[in-house]
Amino acid sequence: MAKIGDIVRFLNSTGGGRIVKIVDNLAYVEDEDGFETPALIRECVVVGEAPVKPSPSTRPPEAVHALSRIHISAPTRLGMMAYAVVCVKK
C-alpha cells in the first residue's frame, strides 16, 4: 500500500514522483518540477519507500543537546539593550 513520502511511477501513463498527499483513493504525486498530479492509488507503483525518521526517543543521547543555562536580561531604562546568553552542554 502506498503512503505519503513513497516514490511512485504511474501504471497507465508516463511519469511519477513522490506522494505528498492522499485523499480518499487519490494520491497527489509531486514530480521533479514541483507539479502535483492526482492519480488513483491503485494506478501507482511504489518504486521507493518513504524514509523512516527517527523519533526523539530513538535518537542516540549524543544527538540530543541539552541546555545547561539560559540567562535573559531585560532592559530597565530607556535606551538600554537586552541580551541573552545560552550555554549548551557537550
N, C-alpha and C. Protein backbone atom coordinates (compact mmCIF):
# COMPACT_ATOMS: atom_id res chain seq x y z
N MET A 1 0.84 -1.18 0.00
CA MET A 1 0.00 0.00 0.00
C MET A 1 0.89 1.25 0.00
N ALA A 2 0.63 2.15 -0.89
CA ALA A 2 1.40 3.38 -0.99
C ALA A 2 1.06 4.31 0.17
N LYS A 3 2.07 5.08 0.59
CA LYS A 3 1.86 6.04 1.67
C LYS A 3 2.59 7.34 1.34
N ILE A 4 2.29 8.38 2.10
CA ILE A 4 2.92 9.69 1.87
C ILE A 4 4.43 9.55 1.99
N GLY A 5 5.13 10.12 1.03
CA GLY A 5 6.59 10.08 1.01
C GLY A 5 7.15 9.03 0.07
N ASP A 6 6.33 8.04 -0.31
CA ASP A 6 6.80 6.99 -1.23
C ASP A 6 7.07 7.56 -2.61
N ILE A 7 8.06 6.99 -3.29
CA ILE A 7 8.36 7.32 -4.68
C ILE A 7 7.57 6.34 -5.53
N VAL A 8 6.78 6.86 -6.47
CA VAL A 8 5.93 6.01 -7.30
C VAL A 8 6.09 6.33 -8.78
N ARG A 9 5.71 5.37 -9.60
CA ARG A 9 5.58 5.54 -11.05
C ARG A 9 4.13 5.22 -11.38
N PHE A 10 3.63 5.86 -12.44
CA PHE A 10 2.25 5.63 -12.84
C PHE A 10 2.15 4.35 -13.66
N LEU A 11 1.12 3.56 -13.42
CA LEU A 11 0.93 2.29 -14.09
C LEU A 11 0.49 2.47 -15.54
N ASN A 12 -0.46 3.38 -15.79
CA ASN A 12 -1.06 3.51 -17.12
C ASN A 12 -0.64 4.76 -17.88
N SER A 13 0.34 5.49 -17.38
CA SER A 13 0.84 6.67 -18.09
C SER A 13 2.29 6.91 -17.69
N THR A 14 2.95 7.81 -18.40
CA THR A 14 4.34 8.10 -18.07
C THR A 14 4.40 9.06 -16.90
N GLY A 15 5.48 9.01 -16.17
CA GLY A 15 5.69 9.94 -15.07
C GLY A 15 5.61 9.28 -13.72
N GLY A 16 5.71 10.11 -12.71
CA GLY A 16 5.69 9.66 -11.34
C GLY A 16 6.35 10.70 -10.46
N GLY A 17 6.65 10.33 -9.24
CA GLY A 17 7.29 11.23 -8.30
C GLY A 17 7.03 10.78 -6.88
N ARG A 18 6.98 11.75 -5.95
CA ARG A 18 6.79 11.47 -4.53
C ARG A 18 5.35 11.80 -4.13
N ILE A 19 4.72 10.90 -3.38
CA ILE A 19 3.36 11.15 -2.89
C ILE A 19 3.43 12.18 -1.78
N VAL A 20 2.69 13.28 -1.96
CA VAL A 20 2.68 14.35 -0.97
C VAL A 20 1.37 14.43 -0.20
N LYS A 21 0.32 13.81 -0.74
CA LYS A 21 -0.99 13.87 -0.08
C LYS A 21 -1.84 12.72 -0.59
N ILE A 22 -2.66 12.16 0.30
CA ILE A 22 -3.61 11.12 -0.09
C ILE A 22 -4.98 11.53 0.42
N VAL A 23 -5.94 11.61 -0.49
CA VAL A 23 -7.33 11.94 -0.16
C VAL A 23 -8.21 10.86 -0.77
N ASP A 24 -8.92 10.13 0.11
CA ASP A 24 -9.76 9.01 -0.32
C ASP A 24 -8.93 8.03 -1.14
N ASN A 25 -9.25 7.83 -2.40
CA ASN A 25 -8.50 6.87 -3.23
C ASN A 25 -7.57 7.58 -4.22
N LEU A 26 -7.33 8.88 -4.00
CA LEU A 26 -6.44 9.65 -4.87
C LEU A 26 -5.12 9.96 -4.16
N ALA A 27 -4.03 9.75 -4.87
CA ALA A 27 -2.71 10.13 -4.38
C ALA A 27 -2.26 11.34 -5.19
N TYR A 28 -1.80 12.36 -4.51
CA TYR A 28 -1.26 13.54 -5.18
C TYR A 28 0.25 13.37 -5.25
N VAL A 29 0.75 13.24 -6.48
CA VAL A 29 2.15 12.91 -6.72
C VAL A 29 2.87 14.15 -7.23
N GLU A 30 3.93 14.53 -6.53
CA GLU A 30 4.73 15.70 -6.93
C GLU A 30 5.89 15.23 -7.78
N ASP A 31 5.99 15.80 -9.00
CA ASP A 31 7.09 15.41 -9.88
C ASP A 31 8.34 16.21 -9.57
N GLU A 32 9.41 15.98 -10.33
CA GLU A 32 10.68 16.65 -10.06
C GLU A 32 10.64 18.15 -10.29
N ASP A 33 9.63 18.64 -11.00
CA ASP A 33 9.49 20.07 -11.24
C ASP A 33 8.59 20.75 -10.20
N GLY A 34 8.03 19.97 -9.28
CA GLY A 34 7.19 20.53 -8.23
C GLY A 34 5.71 20.56 -8.54
N PHE A 35 5.31 19.99 -9.67
CA PHE A 35 3.89 19.96 -10.02
C PHE A 35 3.22 18.74 -9.39
N GLU A 36 2.01 18.94 -8.85
CA GLU A 36 1.24 17.85 -8.27
C GLU A 36 0.28 17.28 -9.30
N THR A 37 0.27 15.96 -9.41
CA THR A 37 -0.63 15.26 -10.32
C THR A 37 -1.47 14.29 -9.51
N PRO A 38 -2.81 14.42 -9.56
CA PRO A 38 -3.65 13.44 -8.87
C PRO A 38 -3.70 12.14 -9.67
N ALA A 39 -3.62 11.02 -8.96
CA ALA A 39 -3.69 9.71 -9.60
C ALA A 39 -4.37 8.74 -8.65
N LEU A 40 -5.10 7.79 -9.21
CA LEU A 40 -5.69 6.76 -8.38
C LEU A 40 -4.58 5.95 -7.71
N ILE A 41 -4.76 5.65 -6.43
CA ILE A 41 -3.72 4.91 -5.71
C ILE A 41 -3.46 3.57 -6.37
N ARG A 42 -4.50 2.93 -6.88
CA ARG A 42 -4.32 1.61 -7.50
C ARG A 42 -3.51 1.68 -8.80
N GLU A 43 -3.31 2.89 -9.35
CA GLU A 43 -2.52 3.06 -10.56
C GLU A 43 -1.10 3.57 -10.27
N CYS A 44 -0.72 3.58 -8.99
CA CYS A 44 0.63 4.00 -8.58
C CYS A 44 1.43 2.78 -8.16
N VAL A 45 2.63 2.64 -8.71
CA VAL A 45 3.51 1.53 -8.36
C VAL A 45 4.66 2.10 -7.52
N VAL A 46 4.81 1.60 -6.30
CA VAL A 46 5.86 2.09 -5.41
C VAL A 46 7.21 1.57 -5.90
N VAL A 47 8.14 2.51 -6.14
CA VAL A 47 9.50 2.13 -6.56
C VAL A 47 10.53 2.51 -5.51
N GLY A 48 10.10 3.25 -4.48
CA GLY A 48 10.98 3.64 -3.39
C GLY A 48 10.18 3.94 -2.14
N GLU A 49 10.60 3.38 -1.03
CA GLU A 49 9.88 3.58 0.23
C GLU A 49 10.17 4.96 0.81
N ALA A 50 9.21 5.47 1.59
CA ALA A 50 9.41 6.72 2.31
C ALA A 50 10.45 6.49 3.39
N PRO A 51 11.40 7.42 3.57
CA PRO A 51 12.40 7.24 4.62
C PRO A 51 11.74 7.31 6.00
N VAL A 52 12.24 6.51 6.91
CA VAL A 52 11.73 6.50 8.28
C VAL A 52 12.55 7.48 9.10
N LYS A 53 11.86 8.47 9.68
CA LYS A 53 12.55 9.46 10.51
C LYS A 53 12.64 8.93 11.93
N PRO A 54 13.82 9.01 12.56
CA PRO A 54 13.91 8.54 13.94
C PRO A 54 13.15 9.48 14.87
N SER A 55 12.44 8.89 15.81
CA SER A 55 11.73 9.71 16.79
C SER A 55 12.73 10.18 17.84
N PRO A 56 12.41 11.24 18.58
CA PRO A 56 13.35 11.75 19.59
C PRO A 56 13.77 10.68 20.60
N SER A 57 12.89 9.73 20.90
CA SER A 57 13.23 8.71 21.89
C SER A 57 14.20 7.67 21.33
N THR A 58 14.33 7.55 19.99
CA THR A 58 15.24 6.57 19.40
C THR A 58 16.56 7.18 18.99
N ARG A 59 16.72 8.47 19.13
CA ARG A 59 17.99 9.11 18.79
C ARG A 59 19.03 8.76 19.84
N PRO A 60 20.29 8.63 19.42
CA PRO A 60 21.33 8.39 20.42
C PRO A 60 21.48 9.60 21.33
N PRO A 61 21.89 9.39 22.59
CA PRO A 61 21.98 10.51 23.54
C PRO A 61 22.87 11.65 23.07
N GLU A 62 23.94 11.33 22.30
CA GLU A 62 24.84 12.40 21.86
C GLU A 62 24.20 13.30 20.81
N ALA A 63 23.10 12.86 20.19
CA ALA A 63 22.43 13.68 19.19
C ALA A 63 21.48 14.69 19.81
N VAL A 64 21.16 14.52 21.09
CA VAL A 64 20.24 15.43 21.77
C VAL A 64 21.06 16.38 22.64
N HIS A 65 20.96 17.66 22.35
CA HIS A 65 21.72 18.66 23.11
C HIS A 65 20.83 19.26 24.18
N ALA A 66 21.31 19.25 25.39
CA ALA A 66 20.55 19.84 26.49
C ALA A 66 21.15 21.19 26.86
N LEU A 67 20.31 22.12 27.18
CA LEU A 67 20.79 23.43 27.61
C LEU A 67 21.13 23.37 29.09
N SER A 68 22.27 23.93 29.44
CA SER A 68 22.64 23.94 30.85
C SER A 68 22.24 25.24 31.53
N ARG A 69 22.18 26.35 30.77
CA ARG A 69 21.83 27.62 31.37
C ARG A 69 21.31 28.57 30.32
N ILE A 70 20.27 29.28 30.67
CA ILE A 70 19.77 30.37 29.84
C ILE A 70 19.61 31.58 30.74
N HIS A 71 20.24 32.68 30.36
CA HIS A 71 20.12 33.91 31.13
C HIS A 71 19.62 35.00 30.20
N ILE A 72 18.52 35.62 30.54
CA ILE A 72 17.95 36.68 29.72
C ILE A 72 17.86 37.94 30.57
N SER A 73 18.38 39.03 30.03
CA SER A 73 18.32 40.30 30.73
C SER A 73 17.33 41.20 30.01
N ALA A 74 16.47 41.83 30.77
CA ALA A 74 15.50 42.77 30.20
C ALA A 74 15.97 44.19 30.49
N PRO A 75 15.76 45.11 29.56
CA PRO A 75 16.19 46.50 29.80
C PRO A 75 15.37 47.12 30.93
N THR A 76 16.06 47.90 31.76
CA THR A 76 15.37 48.55 32.87
C THR A 76 15.25 50.05 32.66
N ARG A 77 16.04 50.58 31.76
CA ARG A 77 15.97 52.01 31.46
C ARG A 77 15.82 52.21 29.95
N LEU A 78 15.26 53.32 29.59
CA LEU A 78 15.10 53.65 28.19
C LEU A 78 16.47 53.73 27.52
N GLY A 79 16.61 53.07 26.41
CA GLY A 79 17.87 53.10 25.66
C GLY A 79 18.81 51.97 26.01
N MET A 80 18.53 51.20 27.05
CA MET A 80 19.40 50.07 27.39
C MET A 80 19.03 48.88 26.52
N MET A 81 19.97 48.01 26.31
CA MET A 81 19.73 46.84 25.46
C MET A 81 19.55 45.60 26.32
N ALA A 82 18.73 44.68 25.84
CA ALA A 82 18.59 43.38 26.48
C ALA A 82 19.55 42.41 25.81
N TYR A 83 19.92 41.36 26.52
CA TYR A 83 20.78 40.35 25.94
C TYR A 83 20.38 38.98 26.46
N ALA A 84 20.84 37.96 25.77
CA ALA A 84 20.59 36.58 26.19
C ALA A 84 21.89 35.79 26.06
N VAL A 85 22.14 34.92 27.02
CA VAL A 85 23.30 34.04 27.00
C VAL A 85 22.78 32.61 27.06
N VAL A 86 23.22 31.78 26.14
CA VAL A 86 22.80 30.39 26.11
C VAL A 86 24.04 29.51 26.16
N CYS A 87 24.09 28.61 27.11
CA CYS A 87 25.18 27.67 27.23
C CYS A 87 24.68 26.27 26.89
N VAL A 88 25.41 25.56 26.05
CA VAL A 88 25.00 24.23 25.62
C VAL A 88 25.99 23.21 26.16
N LYS A 89 25.48 22.11 26.75
CA LYS A 89 26.34 21.04 27.23
C LYS A 89 26.91 20.28 26.06
N LYS A 90 28.13 19.81 26.19
CA LYS A 90 28.75 18.98 25.15
C LYS A 90 28.80 17.55 25.59
